[in-house]
Protein backbone atom coordinates (compact mmCIF):
# COMPACT_ATOMS: atom_id res chain seq x y z
CA MET A 1 1.89 3.83 -8.99
CA LEU A 2 2.04 1.34 -6.17
CA ALA A 3 -0.92 1.46 -3.78
CA GLN A 4 -0.75 -0.43 -0.51
CA ALA A 5 -3.55 -0.97 2.02
CA ILE A 6 -2.55 -1.67 5.62
CA THR A 7 -3.53 -1.16 9.21
CA THR A 8 -1.12 0.15 11.81
CA THR A 9 -1.61 -3.00 13.88
CA CYS A 10 -0.76 -5.41 11.04
CA VAL A 11 2.62 -6.97 11.85
CA PRO A 12 3.16 -8.39 8.31
CA CYS A 13 2.33 -4.94 6.90
CA GLU A 14 4.96 -3.26 9.03
CA ALA A 15 7.49 -6.03 8.38
CA GLN A 16 7.71 -5.11 4.71
CA LEU A 17 7.37 -1.30 4.81
CA THR A 18 11.04 -0.49 4.29
CA GLU A 19 11.30 -3.09 1.52
CA VAL A 20 8.24 -1.69 -0.26
CA GLN A 21 9.71 1.80 0.03
CA ALA A 22 12.92 0.55 -1.60
CA ILE A 23 10.93 -1.12 -4.41
CA ALA A 24 8.92 2.06 -5.07
CA LYS A 25 12.14 4.09 -5.18
CA ARG A 26 13.95 1.52 -7.36
CA PHE A 27 11.18 1.47 -9.96
CA GLU A 28 10.43 5.21 -9.59
CA LEU A 29 6.83 4.52 -8.58
CA THR A 30 4.53 6.84 -6.71
CA TRP A 31 3.72 5.00 -3.49
CA LEU A 32 0.33 5.44 -1.85
CA LEU A 33 -0.14 3.99 1.60
CA LEU A 34 -3.77 3.69 2.68
CA LEU A 35 -4.50 3.24 6.38
CA LEU A 36 -7.60 1.11 6.92
CA ASP A 37 -7.61 1.48 10.71
CA ALA A 38 -10.97 1.95 12.43
CA HIS A 39 -9.83 5.46 13.35
CA PRO A 40 -6.96 6.28 10.98
CA GLU A 41 -6.95 9.92 12.02
CA ARG A 42 -5.79 8.80 15.48
CA ALA A 43 -3.25 6.25 14.26
CA ALA A 44 -1.70 8.24 11.40
CA PRO A 45 0.37 10.84 13.31
CA ARG A 46 2.25 8.28 15.40
CA PHE A 47 2.60 5.91 12.44
CA ALA A 48 4.00 8.68 10.23
CA GLU A 49 6.43 9.77 12.94
CA THR A 50 7.59 6.22 13.65
CA TRP A 51 8.15 5.19 10.04
CA ALA A 52 8.98 8.50 8.25
CA LEU A 53 8.22 6.89 4.89
CA ASP A 54 8.38 8.45 1.43
CA ALA A 55 4.80 7.36 0.74
CA THR A 56 1.76 9.52 0.37
CA LEU A 57 -0.22 8.54 3.45
CA LEU A 58 -3.98 8.40 2.90
CA LEU A 59 -6.59 7.89 5.59
CA ALA A 60 -9.40 5.61 4.50
CA PRO A 61 -12.80 7.27 4.62
CA PRO A 62 -15.46 5.44 6.67
CA GLU A 63 -16.95 3.74 3.61
CA ALA A 64 -13.57 2.23 2.68
CA ARG A 65 -12.63 0.99 6.15
CA GLY A 66 -14.53 -2.22 5.52
CA GLY A 67 -12.04 -3.06 2.79
CA THR A 68 -13.88 -1.98 -0.35
CA LEU A 69 -11.59 0.32 -2.33
CA PRO A 70 -11.71 1.83 -5.82
CA TRP A 71 -9.20 -0.83 -6.97
CA GLY A 72 -11.12 -3.77 -5.52
CA ARG A 73 -11.92 -5.49 -2.26
CA VAL A 74 -9.14 -6.13 0.23
CA ASP A 75 -8.71 -9.88 0.66
CA ALA A 76 -5.79 -9.87 3.10
CA LEU A 77 -3.37 -7.38 4.57
CA PRO A 78 -1.12 -6.06 3.27
CA GLU A 79 -2.80 -5.66 -0.10
CA TYR A 80 -1.06 -4.08 -3.10
CA TRP A 81 -2.14 -2.73 -6.47
CA LEU A 82 0.19 -1.82 -9.30
CA ILE A 83 -1.63 0.90 -11.25
CA ASP A 84 -0.54 2.32 -14.61
CA PRO A 85 -0.70 6.05 -15.49
CA ALA A 86 -4.15 5.56 -17.09
CA GLY A 87 -5.52 4.25 -13.77
CA GLN A 88 -5.72 0.61 -14.84
CA VAL A 89 -4.78 -2.06 -12.31
CA ARG A 90 -1.90 -4.07 -13.80
CA GLY A 91 -1.22 -6.27 -10.81
CA ARG A 92 -2.79 -7.11 -7.51
CA PHE A 93 -1.04 -8.89 -4.68
CA SER A 94 -2.13 -10.03 -1.21
CA GLY A 95 0.42 -10.68 1.49
CA PHE A 96 4.08 -9.94 0.88
CA LEU A 97 4.84 -8.04 -2.30
CA PRO A 98 6.43 -10.36 -4.91
CA VAL A 99 9.27 -8.26 -6.30
CA THR A 100 9.86 -10.58 -9.26
CA GLN A 101 6.25 -10.23 -10.42
CA VAL A 102 6.48 -6.44 -10.11
CA GLU A 103 9.64 -6.51 -12.25
CA VAL A 104 7.89 -8.61 -14.90
CA LEU A 105 4.80 -6.37 -14.97
CA LEU A 106 6.97 -3.29 -15.31
CA GLY A 107 9.04 -4.95 -18.03
CA ARG A 108 12.31 -4.57 -16.12
């Protein structure tokens, strides 16, 4: 699974959305996209319509909007976690997703 934390106003986050979608598809990963906006319920409909991504779009609950997630604290946006089927974090990346590192971690 590839989990990604973003806000809908993060230009670097949006800049890589289509590339991340291609990576998730290429490696057959479930892609979770977590919106950390102050009011994700307001931002999500327009975001989903604009991008029409193959990700599962999750709205961060109030306690997570400060950047503390089950996989760790968000250091910078976008933030990514590569999570194995057992729920263990195998890779964590801040900023642009390093495709080569993902390939190495997945053994491909």
